[in-house]
Protein backbone atom coordinates (compact mmCIF):
# COMPACT_ATOMS: atom_id res chain seq x y z
CA UNK A 1 -34.11 55.32 51.24
CA UNK A 2 -34.00 51.53 50.87
CA UNK A 3 -34.12 51.87 47.08
CA UNK A 4 -31.04 54.12 47.17
CA UNK A 5 -29.21 51.64 49.37
CA UNK A 6 -30.08 48.74 47.07
CA UNK A 7 -29.07 50.74 44.00
CA UNK A 8 -25.74 51.63 45.62
CA UNK A 9 -25.17 48.02 46.67
CA UNK A 10 -25.89 46.81 43.14
CA UNK A 11 -23.47 49.37 41.74
CA UNK A 12 -20.71 48.31 44.12
CA UNK A 13 -21.26 44.65 43.32
CA UNK A 14 -21.01 45.44 39.60
CA UNK A 15 -17.57 47.01 39.97
CA UNK A 16 -14.64 44.81 38.95
CA UNK A 17 -12.77 43.30 41.86
CA UNK A 18 -9.02 43.81 41.80
CA UNK A 19 -6.92 40.78 42.54
CA UNK A 20 -4.99 40.89 45.78
CA UNK A 21 -1.31 41.72 45.42
CA UNK A 22 0.97 38.73 45.03
CA UNK A 23 2.51 37.40 48.24
CA UNK A 24 6.01 37.80 46.81
CA UNK A 25 5.49 40.27 43.97
CA UNK A 26 7.66 40.50 40.90
CA UNK A 27 8.67 43.87 39.57
CA UNK A 28 10.93 44.22 36.58
CA UNK A 29 11.10 47.70 35.09
CA UNK A 30 13.53 49.83 33.15
CA UNK A 31 14.45 53.04 34.93
CA UNK A 32 14.45 56.41 33.20
CA UNK A 33 18.23 56.17 32.83
CA UNK A 34 17.84 52.88 30.92
CA UNK A 35 18.94 50.52 33.69
CA UNK A 36 16.98 47.42 34.66
CA UNK A 37 15.44 47.20 38.14
CA UNK A 38 14.45 43.77 39.39
CA UNK A 39 12.77 43.57 42.78
CA UNK A 40 14.00 39.98 43.21
CA UNK A 41 17.60 41.21 43.00
CA UNK A 42 16.96 43.31 46.14
CA UNK A 43 16.36 40.29 48.43
CA UNK A 44 18.00 40.82 51.80
CA UNK A 45 16.97 44.49 51.88
CA UNK A 46 13.78 46.33 52.70
CA UNK A 47 12.48 47.91 49.50
CA UNK A 48 10.25 50.97 49.22
CA UNK A 49 8.11 50.79 46.07
CA UNK A 50 6.58 54.24 45.69
CA UNK A 51 3.86 55.12 43.17
CA UNK A 52 3.81 58.87 42.52
CA UNK A 53 3.07 61.50 39.87
CA UNK A 54 4.49 64.91 39.00
CA UNK A 55 1.11 66.59 39.59
CA UNK A 56 0.63 65.01 43.04
CA UNK A 57 1.49 67.54 45.77
CA UNK A 58 1.74 64.97 48.62
CA UNK A 59 4.02 62.87 46.37
CA UNK A 60 6.34 65.83 45.82
CA UNK A 61 6.43 66.52 49.56
CA UNK A 62 7.35 62.93 50.47
CA UNK A 63 10.07 62.41 47.85
CA UNK A 64 12.86 64.15 49.84
CA UNK A 65 11.88 62.14 52.94
CA UNK A 66 12.03 58.83 51.07
CA UNK A 67 15.33 59.86 49.50
CA UNK A 68 16.89 60.78 52.87
CA UNK A 69 15.54 57.57 54.42
CA UNK A 70 17.13 55.42 51.71
CA UNK A 71 20.44 57.29 52.04
CA UNK A 72 20.45 56.82 55.83
CA UNK A 73 19.99 53.03 55.80
CA UNK A 74 22.18 50.49 54.06
CA UNK A 75 19.46 47.85 54.49
CA UNK A 76 16.90 49.79 52.42
CA UNK A 77 16.50 50.34 48.68
CA UNK A 78 13.75 52.14 46.80
CA UNK A 79 12.18 52.44 43.39
CA UNK A 80 9.92 55.28 42.36
CA UNK A 81 7.18 54.42 39.89
CA UNK A 82 5.94 57.46 37.98
CA UNK A 83 2.29 56.58 37.53
CA UNK A 84 1.15 58.98 34.87
CA UNK A 85 0.54 59.27 31.18
CA UNK A 86 3.12 61.85 30.15
CA UNK A 87 6.30 62.11 28.17
CA UNK A 88 9.52 60.70 29.62
CA UNK A 89 11.24 64.04 29.03
CA UNK A 90 8.66 65.79 31.23
CA UNK A 91 9.33 63.40 34.11
CA UNK A 92 13.08 63.87 33.65
CA UNK A 93 12.63 67.66 33.73
CA UNK A 94 10.58 67.32 36.92
CA UNK A 95 13.32 65.19 38.52
CA UNK A 96 15.96 67.80 37.70
CA UNK A 97 13.95 70.18 39.92
CA UNK A 98 13.13 67.50 42.51
CA UNK A 99 16.11 65.08 42.55
CA UNK A 100 16.00 61.82 44.50
CA UNK A 101 18.64 59.26 45.49
CA UNK A 102 16.80 56.23 44.13
CA UNK A 103 15.90 55.08 40.63
CA UNK A 104 12.69 56.12 38.91
CA UNK A 105 10.75 54.19 36.29
CA UNK A 106 7.62 55.21 34.44
CA UNK A 107 4.80 52.68 34.47
CA UNK A 108 1.82 52.47 32.15
CA UNK A 109 -1.33 53.66 33.89
CA UNK A 110 -3.43 51.29 31.78
CA UNK A 111 -1.21 48.28 32.52
CA UNK A 112 0.53 48.79 35.86
CA UNK A 113 2.80 46.08 37.26
CA UNK A 114 0.60 43.00 37.58
CA UNK A 115 1.74 41.88 41.03
CA UNK A 116 0.66 45.13 42.72
CA UNK A 117 -2.83 46.58 43.05
CA UNK A 118 -3.25 49.63 40.82
CA UNK A 119 -3.07 52.66 43.11
CA UNK A 120 -6.47 54.00 44.09
CA UNK A 121 -4.81 57.19 45.24
CA UNK A 122 -1.38 58.76 45.09
CA UNK A 123 1.01 58.43 46.66
CA UNK A 124 0.80 54.71 47.33
CA UNK A 125 3.83 53.00 48.81
CA UNK A 126 4.58 49.33 49.35
CA UNK A 127 7.22 48.23 51.84
CA UNK A 128 8.74 44.96 50.71
CA UNK A 129 10.42 42.82 53.38
CA UNK A 130 13.89 41.33 52.89
CA UNK A 131 12.33 37.95 52.07
CA UNK A 132 10.32 39.54 49.23
CA UNK A 133 6.80 39.66 50.67
CA UNK A 134 4.67 42.80 50.90
CA UNK A 135 5.11 43.84 54.51
CA UNK A 136 2.99 47.00 54.45
CA UNK A 137 1.03 49.20 52.07
CA UNK A 138 0.66 52.91 52.74
CA UNK A 139 -1.93 55.03 50.96
CA UNK A 140 -0.99 58.67 51.36
CA UNK A 141 2.36 60.24 52.16
CA UNK A 142 5.07 58.39 54.04
CA UNK A 143 8.07 59.67 55.91
CA UNK A 144 11.06 58.18 57.70
CA UNK A 145 9.12 57.79 60.96
CA UNK A 146 6.36 55.71 59.32
CA UNK A 147 8.86 53.59 57.41
CA UNK A 148 11.06 53.04 60.46
CA UNK A 149 8.02 52.09 62.55
CA UNK A 150 6.87 49.57 59.95
CA UNK A 151 10.34 48.05 59.72
CA UNK A 152 10.69 47.93 63.52
CA UNK A 153 7.41 46.01 63.74
CA UNK A 154 8.76 43.62 61.12
CA UNK A 155 5.82 45.00 59.20
C-alpha cells in the first residue's frame, strides 16, 4: 500500500507544472471571419473567454446560454476559442448549425494562448473583469445564472 502511494506521489511530482494564468492576460487572436480580437480592447467590459470543441456535448449545450447572456448585457463581450485540431471549414459548418452571437477563433491545441492555462477539461470558461484581470475560472458548463452570480460578486 505504501509503495503504491510513493509511486503515485513520484509520478505526480514528475508531471510538468503549468504556470499560473497571467494576472492581466493578453489574448490576441484572429476570428474565423478574419477579424482581429484583442482582449485589451475590451477593457471596461466583462469578457467571457470560452474554450470549447465541436465534439464536446456540454460545450454545445452552453453555447446558446452564453450567446443569450452576451446579447442581454451591454457590459459583457465574449470570445469562443475552438480548442481542437480540425479544419476551419468543419468548425464553420458546425457554427452554421449552432450559431452564436459572439466571435469564434480557433486556437492551436499544442500552443494555446500563453496567458491562460491550457484547459484540462472542456468547456473551460474564464470571466475577465473590466480592469482586465481574471475574475473567475469555470471548469464545466456555464449559464447566465453562474455568470451573473460571478459578476454580482465582483468575481
